[in-house]
Amino acid sequence: MLRFLLGMAIGYVLGAKAGTERYEQLRRSYQRVADHPAVQGAAGVVRARVEEAVNGGRHTADAGSNGHAR
């Protein structure tokens, strides 16, 4: 849902003819949301899970290449 809303905002900014004032208003709104502690916390959780999945996938692939049976 957040991606959709962000995409809508970006599309509006790129396609709007409202000018710099509207662009700045949207940019400030986005920055306020992006800097919110709850959003930062959620981003940290997502980042950690992605890193865990990536590192976990490498670990599993490495374990399979060292001759150990699964």
PDB file of N, CA and C in Angstrom:
ATOM      1  N   MET A   1       0.827  -1.188   0.000  1.00  0.00           N
ATOM      2  CA  MET A   1       0.000   0.000   0.000  1.00  0.00           C
ATOM      3  C   MET A   1       0.874   1.256   0.000  1.00  0.00           C
ATOM      4  N   LEU A   2       1.935   1.230   0.826  1.00  0.00           N
ATOM      5  CA  LEU A   2       2.822   2.388   0.892  1.00  0.00           C
ATOM      6  C   LEU A   2       3.507   2.621  -0.456  1.00  0.00           C
ATOM      7  N   ARG A   3       3.913   1.542  -1.110  1.00  0.00           N
ATOM      8  CA  ARG A   3       4.546   1.675  -2.430  1.00  0.00           C
ATOM      9  C   ARG A   3       3.576   2.310  -3.424  1.00  0.00           C
ATOM     10  N   PHE A   4       2.325   1.875  -3.371  1.00  0.00           N
ATOM     11  CA  PHE A   4       1.319   2.420  -4.272  1.00  0.00           C
ATOM     12  C   PHE A   4       1.167   3.917  -4.052  1.00  0.00           C
ATOM     13  N   LEU A   5       1.035   4.319  -2.780  1.00  0.00           N
ATOM     14  CA  LEU A   5       0.868   5.741  -2.474  1.00  0.00           C
ATOM     15  C   LEU A   5       2.101   6.542  -2.875  1.00  0.00           C
ATOM     16  N   LEU A   6       3.278   5.980  -2.627  1.00  0.00           N
ATOM     17  CA  LEU A   6       4.506   6.664  -3.023  1.00  0.00           C
ATOM     18  C   LEU A   6       4.576   6.795  -4.541  1.00  0.00           C
ATOM     19  N   GLY A   7       4.189   5.740  -5.251  1.00  0.00           N
ATOM     20  CA  GLY A   7       4.160   5.786  -6.713  1.00  0.00           C
ATOM     21  C   GLY A   7       3.190   6.827  -7.233  1.00  0.00           C
ATOM     22  N   MET A   8       2.026   6.906  -6.566  1.00  0.00           N
ATOM     23  CA  MET A   8       1.043   7.922  -6.953  1.00  0.00           C
ATOM     24  C   MET A   8       1.618   9.322  -6.750  1.00  0.00           C
ATOM     25  N   ALA A   9       2.271   9.537  -5.616  1.00  0.00           N
ATOM     26  CA  ALA A   9       2.848  10.851  -5.322  1.00  0.00           C
ATOM     27  C   ALA A   9       3.922  11.208  -6.341  1.00  0.00           C
ATOM     28  N   ILE A  10       4.785  10.259  -6.651  1.00  0.00           N
ATOM     29  CA  ILE A  10       5.849  10.510  -7.626  1.00  0.00           C
ATOM     30  C   ILE A  10       5.256  10.794  -9.005  1.00  0.00           C
ATOM     31  N   GLY A  11       4.264   9.996  -9.374  1.00  0.00           N
ATOM     32  CA  GLY A  11       3.597  10.220 -10.662  1.00  0.00           C
ATOM     33  C   GLY A  11       2.957  11.591 -10.736  1.00  0.00           C
ATOM     34  N   TYR A  12       2.339  11.979  -9.652  1.00  0.00           N
ATOM     35  CA  TYR A  12       1.708  13.308  -9.633  1.00  0.00           C
ATOM     36  C   TYR A  12       2.764  14.402  -9.762  1.00  0.00           C
ATOM     37  N   VAL A  13       3.844  14.248  -8.996  1.00  0.00           N
ATOM     38  CA  VAL A  13       4.902  15.266  -9.035  1.00  0.00           C
ATOM     39  C   VAL A  13       5.475  15.381 -10.445  1.00  0.00           C
ATOM     40  N   LEU A  14       5.730  14.231 -11.068  1.00  0.00           N
ATOM     41  CA  LEU A  14       6.328  14.264 -12.402  1.00  0.00           C
ATOM     42  C   LEU A  14       5.354  14.748 -13.463  1.00  0.00           C
ATOM     43  N   GLY A  15       4.057  14.464 -13.273  1.00  0.00           N
ATOM     44  CA  GLY A  15       3.084  14.810 -14.303  1.00  0.00           C
ATOM     45  C   GLY A  15       2.310  16.089 -14.046  1.00  0.00           C
ATOM     46  N   ALA A  16       2.389  16.609 -12.859  1.00  0.00           N
ATOM     47  CA  ALA A  16       1.572  17.776 -12.504  1.00  0.00           C
ATOM     48  C   ALA A  16       2.071  19.041 -13.170  1.00  0.00           C
ATOM     49  N   LYS A  17       1.138  19.920 -13.384  1.00  0.00           N
ATOM     50  CA  LYS A  17       1.497  21.227 -13.920  1.00  0.00           C
ATOM     51  C   LYS A  17       1.277  22.285 -12.856  1.00  0.00           C
ATOM     52  N   ALA A  18       1.251  21.842 -11.591  1.00  0.00           N
ATOM     53  CA  ALA A  18       0.996  22.746 -10.477  1.00  0.00           C
ATOM     54  C   ALA A  18       2.210  23.588 -10.136  1.00  0.00           C
ATOM     55  N   GLY A  19       3.374  23.166 -10.593  1.00  0.00           N
ATOM     56  CA  GLY A  19       4.566  23.981 -10.410  1.00  0.00           C
ATOM     57  C   GLY A  19       5.370  23.637  -9.168  1.00  0.00           C
ATOM     58  N   THR A  20       6.344  24.457  -8.914  1.00  0.00           N
ATOM     59  CA  THR A  20       7.309  24.241  -7.847  1.00  0.00           C
ATOM     60  C   THR A  20       6.674  24.242  -6.467  1.00  0.00           C
ATOM     61  N   GLU A  21       5.678  25.085  -6.269  1.00  0.00           N
ATOM     62  CA  GLU A  21       5.056  25.174  -4.945  1.00  0.00           C
ATOM     63  C   GLU A  21       4.442  23.840  -4.534  1.00  0.00           C
ATOM     64  N   ARG A  22       3.698  23.209  -5.435  1.00  0.00           N
ATOM     65  CA  ARG A  22       3.072  21.922  -5.127  1.00  0.00           C
ATOM     66  C   ARG A  22       4.140  20.846  -4.952  1.00  0.00           C
ATOM     67  N   TYR A  23       5.169  20.877  -5.778  1.00  0.00           N
ATOM     68  CA  TYR A  23       6.266  19.917  -5.653  1.00  0.00           C
ATOM     69  C   TYR A  23       6.909  20.030  -4.276  1.00  0.00           C
ATOM     70  N   GLU A  24       7.199  21.238  -3.841  1.00  0.00           N
ATOM     71  CA  GLU A  24       7.824  21.449  -2.532  1.00  0.00           C
ATOM     72  C   GLU A  24       6.911  20.980  -1.405  1.00  0.00           C
ATOM     73  N   GLN A  25       5.608  21.213  -1.551  1.00  0.00           N
ATOM     74  CA  GLN A  25       4.651  20.762  -0.547  1.00  0.00           C
ATOM     75  C   GLN A  25       4.673  19.232  -0.445  1.00  0.00           C
ATOM     76  N   LEU A  26       4.655  18.539  -1.567  1.00  0.00           N
ATOM     77  CA  LEU A  26       4.712  17.080  -1.574  1.00  0.00           C
ATOM     78  C   LEU A  26       6.042  16.568  -1.020  1.00  0.00           C
ATOM     79  N   ARG A  27       7.120  17.240  -1.393  1.00  0.00           N
ATOM     80  CA  ARG A  27       8.439  16.827  -0.909  1.00  0.00           C
ATOM     81  C   ARG A  27       8.528  16.954   0.610  1.00  0.00           C
ATOM     82  N   ARG A  28       8.021  18.049   1.153  1.00  0.00           N
ATOM     83  CA  ARG A  28       8.030  18.238   2.607  1.00  0.00           C
ATOM     84  C   ARG A  28       7.174  17.181   3.298  1.00  0.00           C
ATOM     85  N   SER A  29       6.028  16.864   2.717  1.00  0.00           N
ATOM     86  CA  SER A  29       5.153  15.831   3.292  1.00  0.00           C
ATOM     87  C   SER A  29       5.854  14.477   3.295  1.00  0.00           C
ATOM     88  N   TYR A  30       6.472  14.138   2.180  1.00  0.00           N
ATOM     89  CA  TYR A  30       7.204  12.871   2.087  1.00  0.00           C
ATOM     90  C   TYR A  30       8.320  12.829   3.128  1.00  0.00           C
ATOM     91  N   GLN A  31       9.060  13.918   3.240  1.00  0.00           N
ATOM     92  CA  GLN A  31      10.186  13.957   4.185  1.00  0.00           C
ATOM     93  C   GLN A  31       9.692  13.793   5.619  1.00  0.00           C
ATOM     94  N   ARG A  32       8.564  14.417   5.941  1.00  0.00           N
ATOM     95  CA  ARG A  32       7.989  14.284   7.283  1.00  0.00           C
ATOM     96  C   ARG A  32       7.629  12.833   7.574  1.00  0.00           C
ATOM     97  N   VAL A  33       7.024  12.170   6.601  1.00  0.00           N
ATOM     98  CA  VAL A  33       6.652  10.765   6.779  1.00  0.00           C
ATOM     99  C   VAL A  33       7.908   9.906   6.876  1.00  0.00           C
ATOM    100  N   ALA A  34       8.859  10.124   5.986  1.00  0.00           N
ATOM    101  CA  ALA A  34      10.072   9.308   5.961  1.00  0.00           C
ATOM    102  C   ALA A  34      10.886   9.472   7.246  1.00  0.00           C
ATOM    103  N   ASP A  35      10.831  10.636   7.862  1.00  0.00           N
ATOM    104  CA  ASP A  35      11.598  10.887   9.077  1.00  0.00           C
ATOM    105  C   ASP A  35      10.863  10.475  10.352  1.00  0.00           C
ATOM    106  N   HIS A  36       9.618  10.058  10.222  1.00  0.00           N
ATOM    107  CA  HIS A  36       8.831   9.675  11.407  1.00  0.00           C
ATOM    108  C   HIS A  36       9.474   8.448  12.062  1.00  0.00           C
ATOM    109  N   PRO A  37       9.597   8.429  13.393  1.00  0.00           N
ATOM    110  CA  PRO A  37      10.240   7.311  14.091  1.00  0.00           C
ATOM    111  C   PRO A  37       9.607   5.948  13.786  1.00  0.00           C
ATOM    112  N   ALA A  38       8.292   5.892  13.645  1.00  0.00           N
ATOM    113  CA  ALA A  38       7.634   4.609  13.348  1.00  0.00           C
ATOM    114  C   ALA A  38       8.045   4.099  11.964  1.00  0.00           C
ATOM    115  N   VAL A  39       8.149   4.995  10.999  1.00  0.00           N
ATOM    116  CA  VAL A  39       8.567   4.610   9.650  1.00  0.00           C
ATOM    117  C   VAL A  39      10.033   4.182   9.667  1.00  0.00           C
ATOM    118  N   GLN A  40      10.859   4.909  10.403  1.00  0.00           N
ATOM    119  CA  GLN A  40      12.270   4.536  10.517  1.00  0.00           C
ATOM    120  C   GLN A  40      12.421   3.157  11.152  1.00  0.00           C
ATOM    121  N   GLY A  41      11.623   2.895  12.199  1.00  0.00           N
ATOM    122  CA  GLY A  41      11.674   1.594  12.862  1.00  0.00           C
ATOM    123  C   GLY A  41      11.259   0.474  11.929  1.00  0.00           C
ATOM    124  N   ALA A  42      10.182   0.699  11.180  1.00  0.00           N
ATOM    125  CA  ALA A  42       9.716  -0.321  10.233  1.00  0.00           C
ATOM    126  C   ALA A  42      10.759  -0.557   9.146  1.00  0.00           C
ATOM    127  N   ALA A  43      11.382   0.503   8.671  1.00  0.00           N
ATOM    128  CA  ALA A  43      12.419   0.366   7.648  1.00  0.00           C
ATOM    129  C   ALA A  43      13.602  -0.436   8.187  1.00  0.00           C
ATOM    130  N   GLY A  44      13.953  -0.207   9.455  1.00  0.00           N
ATOM    131  CA  GLY A  44      15.040  -0.973  10.067  1.00  0.00           C
ATOM    132  C   GLY A  44      14.722  -2.449  10.162  1.00  0.00           C
ATOM    133  N   VAL A  45      13.485  -2.764  10.521  1.00  0.00           N
ATOM    134  CA  VAL A  45      13.061  -4.166  10.609  1.00  0.00           C
ATOM    135  C   VAL A  45      13.116  -4.815   9.235  1.00  0.00           C
ATOM    136  N   VAL A  46      12.604  -4.126   8.229  1.00  0.00           N
ATOM    137  CA  VAL A  46      12.616  -4.669   6.867  1.00  0.00           C
ATOM    138  C   VAL A  46      14.050  -4.858   6.393  1.00  0.00           C
ATOM    139  N   ARG A  47      14.896  -3.870   6.639  1.00  0.00           N
ATOM    140  CA  ARG A  47      16.303  -3.962   6.230  1.00  0.00           C
ATOM    141  C   ARG A  47      16.971  -5.174   6.886  1.00  0.00           C
ATOM    142  N   ALA A  48      16.725  -5.367   8.192  1.00  0.00           N
ATOM    143  CA  ALA A  48      17.325  -6.496   8.910  1.00  0.00           C
ATOM    144  C   ALA A  48      16.843  -7.827   8.348  1.00  0.00           C
ATOM    145  N   ARG A  49      15.560  -7.905   8.033  1.00  0.00           N
ATOM    146  CA  ARG A  49      15.019  -9.161   7.489  1.00  0.00           C
ATOM    147  C   ARG A  49      15.569  -9.452   6.106  1.00  0.00           C
ATOM    148  N   VAL A  50      15.742  -8.422   5.300  1.00  0.00           N
ATOM    149  CA  VAL A  50      16.315  -8.622   3.967  1.00  0.00           C
ATOM    150  C   VAL A  50      17.760  -9.089   4.095  1.00  0.00           C
ATOM    151  N   GLU A  51      18.527  -8.436   4.967  1.00  0.00           N
ATOM    152  CA  GLU A  51      19.919  -8.848   5.163  1.00  0.00           C
ATOM    153  C   GLU A  51      19.988 -10.277   5.688  1.00  0.00           C
ATOM    154  N   GLU A  52      19.093 -10.612   6.608  1.00  0.00           N
ATOM    155  CA  GLU A  52      19.057 -11.965   7.157  1.00  0.00           C
ATOM    156  C   GLU A  52      18.741 -12.980   6.059  1.00  0.00           C
ATOM    157  N   ALA A  53      17.780 -12.650   5.204  1.00  0.00           N
ATOM    158  CA  ALA A  53      17.419 -13.560   4.113  1.00  0.00           C
ATOM    159  C   ALA A  53      18.573 -13.715   3.129  1.00  0.00           C
ATOM    160  N   VAL A  54      19.234 -12.612   2.810  1.00  0.00           N
ATOM    161  CA  VAL A  54      20.359 -12.666   1.865  1.00  0.00           C
ATOM    162  C   VAL A  54      21.511 -13.438   2.481  1.00  0.00           C
ATOM    163  N   ASN A  55      21.864 -13.124   3.700  1.00  0.00           N
ATOM    164  CA  ASN A  55      22.973 -13.823   4.351  1.00  0.00           C
ATOM    165  C   ASN A  55      22.612 -15.269   4.640  1.00  0.00           C
ATOM    166  N   GLY A  56      21.373 -15.530   4.977  1.00  0.00           N
ATOM    167  CA  GLY A  56      20.932 -16.898   5.212  1.00  0.00           C
ATOM    168  C   GLY A  56      20.995 -17.718   3.944  1.00  0.00           C
ATOM    169  N   GLY A  57      20.649 -17.119   2.826  1.00  0.00           N
ATOM    170  CA  GLY A  57      20.714 -17.810   1.544  1.00  0.00           C
ATOM    171  C   GLY A  57      22.139 -18.141   1.163  1.00  0.00           C
ATOM    172  N   ARG A  58      23.059 -17.258   1.431  1.00  0.00           N
ATOM    173  CA  ARG A  58      24.477 -17.525   1.153  1.00  0.00           C
ATOM    174  C   ARG A  58      24.985 -18.632   2.053  1.00  0.00           C
ATOM    175  N   HIS A  59      24.592 -18.570   3.313  1.00  0.00           N
ATOM    176  CA  HIS A  59      25.028 -19.575   4.268  1.00  0.00           C
ATOM    177  C   HIS A  59      24.563 -20.961   3.837  1.00  0.00           C
ATOM    178  N   THR A  60      23.315 -21.083   3.405  1.00  0.00           N
ATOM    179  CA  THR A  60      22.771 -22.356   2.966  1.00  0.00           C
ATOM    180  C   THR A  60      23.509 -22.836   1.725  1.00  0.00           C
ATOM    181  N   ALA A  61      23.773 -21.945   0.793  1.00  0.00           N
ATOM    182  CA  ALA A  61      24.494 -22.325  -0.420  1.00  0.00           C
ATOM    183  C   ALA A  61      25.915 -22.743  -0.079  1.00  0.00           C
ATOM    184  N   ASP A  62      26.568 -22.034   0.843  1.00  0.00           N
ATOM    185  CA  ASP A  62      27.923 -22.385   1.233  1.00  0.00           C
ATOM    186  C   ASP A  62      27.946 -23.728   1.940  1.00  0.00           C
ATOM    187  N   ALA A  63      26.956 -24.000   2.787  1.00  0.00           N
ATOM    188  CA  ALA A  63      26.901 -25.285   3.506  1.00  0.00           C
ATOM    189  C   ALA A  63      26.754 -26.426   2.529  1.00  0.00           C
ATOM    190  N   GLY A  64      26.015 -26.226   1.457  1.00  0.00           N
ATOM    191  CA  GLY A  64      25.830 -27.281   0.469  1.00  0.00           C
ATOM    192  C   GLY A  64      27.092 -27.529  -0.335  1.00  0.00           C
ATOM    193  N   SER A  65      27.952 -26.557  -0.438  1.00  0.00           N
ATOM    194  CA  SER A  65      29.148 -26.716  -1.258  1.00  0.00           C
ATOM    195  C   SER A  65      30.325 -27.303  -0.494  1.00  0.00           C
ATOM    196  N   ASN A  66      30.192 -27.467   0.841  1.00  0.00           N
ATOM    197  CA  ASN A  66      31.321 -27.991   1.590  1.00  0.00           C
ATOM    198  C   ASN A  66      31.246 -29.486   1.832  1.00  0.00           C
ATOM    199  N   GLY A  67      30.277 -30.166   1.182  1.00  0.00           N
ATOM    200  CA  GLY A  67      30.217 -31.605   1.268  1.00  0.00           C
ATOM    201  C   GLY A  67      29.337 -32.145   2.364  1.00  0.00           C
ATOM    202  N   HIS A  68      28.764 -31.298   3.209  1.00  0.00           N
ATOM    203  CA  HIS A  68      27.877 -31.801   4.253  1.00  0.00           C
ATOM    204  C   HIS A  68      26.542 -32.185   3.676  1.00  0.00           C
ATOM    205  N   ALA A  69      26.002 -33.279   4.133  1.00  0.00           N
ATOM    206  CA  ALA A  69      24.675 -33.721   3.693  1.00  0.00           C
ATOM    207  C   ALA A  69      23.616 -32.873   4.372  1.00  0.00           C
ATOM    208  N   ARG A  70      22.512 -32.671   3.704  1.00  0.00           N
ATOM    209  CA  ARG A  70      21.419 -31.894   4.291  1.00  0.00           C
ATOM    210  C   ARG A  70      20.370 -32.785   4.866  1.00  0.00           C
TER     211      ARG A  70
END
